[in-house]
Protein backbone atom coordinates (compact mmCIF):
# COMPACT_ATOMS: atom_id res chain seq x y z
CA MET A 1 0.00 0.00 0.00
CA THR A 2 2.84 2.37 0.86
CA THR A 3 4.49 1.59 -2.45
CA ILE A 4 1.33 2.43 -4.35
CA ILE A 5 0.90 5.73 -2.52
CA PHE A 6 4.54 6.69 -3.01
CA THR A 7 4.51 5.73 -6.70
CA SER A 8 1.28 7.59 -7.41
CA SER A 9 2.43 10.75 -5.64
CA PHE A 10 5.76 10.57 -7.52
CA LEU A 11 3.99 10.20 -10.86
CA ILE A 12 1.58 13.03 -10.12
CA SER A 13 4.42 15.37 -9.21
CA LYS A 14 6.28 14.47 -12.43
CA ILE A 15 3.17 14.99 -14.57
CA GLN A 16 2.47 18.33 -12.95
CA SER A 17 6.04 19.53 -13.42
CA SER A 18 6.18 18.41 -17.07
CA ILE A 19 2.88 19.99 -18.05
CA HIS A 20 2.13 23.62 -17.50
CA TYR A 21 -0.05 23.04 -14.51
CA HIS A 22 -2.73 25.67 -14.18
CA ARG A 23 -5.07 25.90 -11.25
CA ALA A 24 -8.57 26.55 -12.50
CA ASP A 25 -10.52 29.37 -10.99
CA ILE A 26 -13.42 27.65 -9.29
CA SER A 27 -16.34 29.75 -8.20
CA PRO A 28 -17.28 29.59 -4.50
CA LEU A 29 -20.88 29.25 -5.64
CA LEU A 30 -19.97 26.07 -7.52
CA ILE A 31 -18.24 24.65 -4.43
CA LEU A 32 -21.28 25.51 -2.30
CA SER A 33 -23.57 23.82 -4.84
CA ILE A 34 -21.44 20.67 -4.82
CA VAL A 35 -21.46 20.55 -1.00
CA ILE A 36 -25.24 21.00 -0.85
CA PHE A 37 -25.81 18.35 -3.53
CA GLY A 38 -23.43 15.93 -1.79
CA ASN A 39 -25.16 16.43 1.57
CA SER A 40 -28.57 15.77 0.06
CA LEU A 41 -27.35 12.60 -1.66
CA SER A 42 -25.65 11.24 1.46
CA SER A 43 -28.75 11.98 3.52
CA PHE A 44 -30.92 10.07 1.05
CA PHE A 45 -28.63 7.06 0.52
CA SER A 46 -27.80 6.59 4.18
CA GLY A 47 -31.44 6.51 5.23
CA TRP A 48 -31.10 9.60 7.44
CA LEU A 49 -34.09 11.27 5.76
CA LEU A 50 -36.19 8.17 6.32
CA LEU A 51 -35.14 8.07 9.98
CA ALA A 52 -35.93 11.79 10.28
CA LYS A 53 -39.47 11.14 9.10
CA TYR A 54 -40.11 9.12 12.27
CA TYR A 55 -37.49 10.18 14.81
CA LEU A 56 -36.96 13.91 14.22
CA THR A 57 -36.41 15.84 17.45
CA ASP A 58 -36.12 19.41 18.57
CA ILE A 59 -34.70 18.80 22.04
CA THR A 60 -31.41 20.37 22.98
CA SER A 61 -28.41 18.09 22.78
CA PRO A 62 -27.67 16.00 25.89
CA LEU A 63 -25.08 17.23 28.36
CA GLU A 64 -22.85 14.22 27.76
CA LEU A 65 -22.38 14.31 24.01
CA SER A 66 -19.57 12.64 22.08
CA THR A 67 -18.72 15.06 19.29
CA TRP A 68 -16.81 14.65 16.03
CA GLN A 69 -17.35 10.88 15.95
CA THR A 70 -17.13 8.50 13.01
CA GLY A 71 -19.96 6.15 12.15
CA ASN A 72 -21.78 4.33 9.36
CA ILE A 73 -25.43 4.55 8.53
CA ASP A 74 -26.30 1.81 6.08
CA LEU A 75 -23.90 2.25 3.15
CA VAL A 76 -22.65 5.76 3.96
CA SER A 77 -19.67 6.41 6.21
CA TYR A 78 -19.55 9.68 8.10
CA ARG A 79 -16.02 10.51 9.22
CA ASN A 80 -15.60 12.82 12.20
CA SER A 81 -18.97 14.47 11.72
CA LEU A 82 -21.43 12.71 14.07
CA ASN A 83 -22.52 13.85 17.52
CA ILE A 84 -23.72 10.92 19.64
CA GLY A 85 -25.57 11.10 22.94
CA ILE A 86 -27.64 8.91 25.20
CA THR A 87 -30.77 10.10 26.98
CA GLU A 88 -33.41 8.33 29.04
CA GLU A 89 -35.71 8.41 26.01
CA GLY A 90 -33.27 6.99 23.47
CA LEU A 91 -30.22 7.41 21.26
CA TYR A 92 -29.52 10.99 20.18
CA LEU A 93 -27.75 11.56 16.84
CA SER A 94 -26.89 14.84 15.17
CA PHE A 95 -24.27 16.24 12.83
CA ILE A 96 -21.73 18.99 12.99
CA PHE A 97 -22.95 22.39 11.85
CA ILE A 98 -21.84 22.12 8.21
CA MET A 99 -23.88 18.97 7.50
CA ARG A 100 -27.09 19.85 9.34
CA LEU A 101 -28.86 21.13 6.24
CA PHE A 102 -30.17 17.69 5.21
CA HIS A 103 -29.36 15.88 8.46
CA PRO A 104 -31.68 17.11 11.25
CA PRO A 105 -31.11 15.81 14.82
CA LEU A 106 -32.67 12.45 15.67
CA LEU A 107 -33.84 10.88 18.90
CA ILE A 108 -34.36 7.16 18.34
CA PRO A 109 -36.45 5.61 21.15
CA TRP A 110 -35.04 2.54 22.84
CA ASN A 111 -38.07 0.44 21.83
CA SER A 112 -37.34 1.12 18.12
CA ILE A 113 -33.91 -0.51 18.36
CA THR A 114 -34.47 -4.15 17.48
CA LYS A 115 -30.93 -5.45 17.69
CA ALA A 116 -27.72 -4.05 19.18
CA PHE A 117 -24.43 -5.84 19.67
CA VAL A 118 -20.69 -5.29 19.53
CA ASN A 119 -19.23 -6.59 16.28
CA ARG A 120 -15.76 -8.05 15.72
CA PHE A 121 -14.29 -4.57 15.07
CA ASP A 122 -15.33 -3.42 18.57
CA GLU A 123 -18.13 -1.22 17.24
CA TYR A 124 -21.80 -1.10 18.15
CA LYS A 125 -23.99 -2.39 15.37
CA ILE A 126 -27.53 -1.14 15.89
CA SER A 127 -30.56 -2.18 13.82
CA ILE A 128 -33.55 0.14 13.77
CA ASP A 129 -36.90 -0.94 12.38
CA ILE A 130 -38.83 1.69 10.49
CA PRO A 131 -42.64 1.31 10.35
CA LEU A 132 -42.65 1.85 6.57
CA PHE A 133 -40.16 -1.02 5.98
CA PRO A 134 -40.47 -3.42 8.95
CA ASN A 135 -38.34 -6.20 7.42
CA ASN A 136 -35.57 -3.91 6.18
CA PRO A 137 -33.95 -2.20 9.20
CA VAL A 138 -31.54 0.73 9.01
CA VAL A 139 -28.17 -0.36 10.37
CA ILE A 140 -26.09 2.16 12.31
CA ILE A 141 -22.50 1.39 13.29
CA LEU A 142 -21.02 3.53 16.06
CA PRO A 143 -17.71 3.39 17.92
CA THR A 144 -17.87 1.89 21.40
CA THR A 145 -15.76 4.73 22.77
CA ALA A 146 -18.52 7.21 21.88
CA LEU A 147 -21.11 5.44 23.98
């Protein structure tokens, strides 16, 4: 793996030095559009929007909140962007400020969690049944250190 990384970085530097490398002027509006589009896609593919339909909350975040955590929601991996908390009512999940546009805070009640266990990578694997799709749960993987 190290060899591949070293070789690719070497080749990129040689290509850039041999060609007149010109940095394109990219509009901030284009970057903002890409970020917004990417957030909406990740929210849809991960199942966050579907979870928000049933478990949307407006409570303030819990006092003991693990911030900047990494986790997976179905097929989408969120690196250092999750806030995870535990309340008496259930599992509290939210995102850092930048990603909150299509990812509203969730409070998943304990009775909606159908299966929870620690997998072989020392992570919590949590299955949540959604009333719309009872046989197809949303799977959330969270680090054990966050809980």
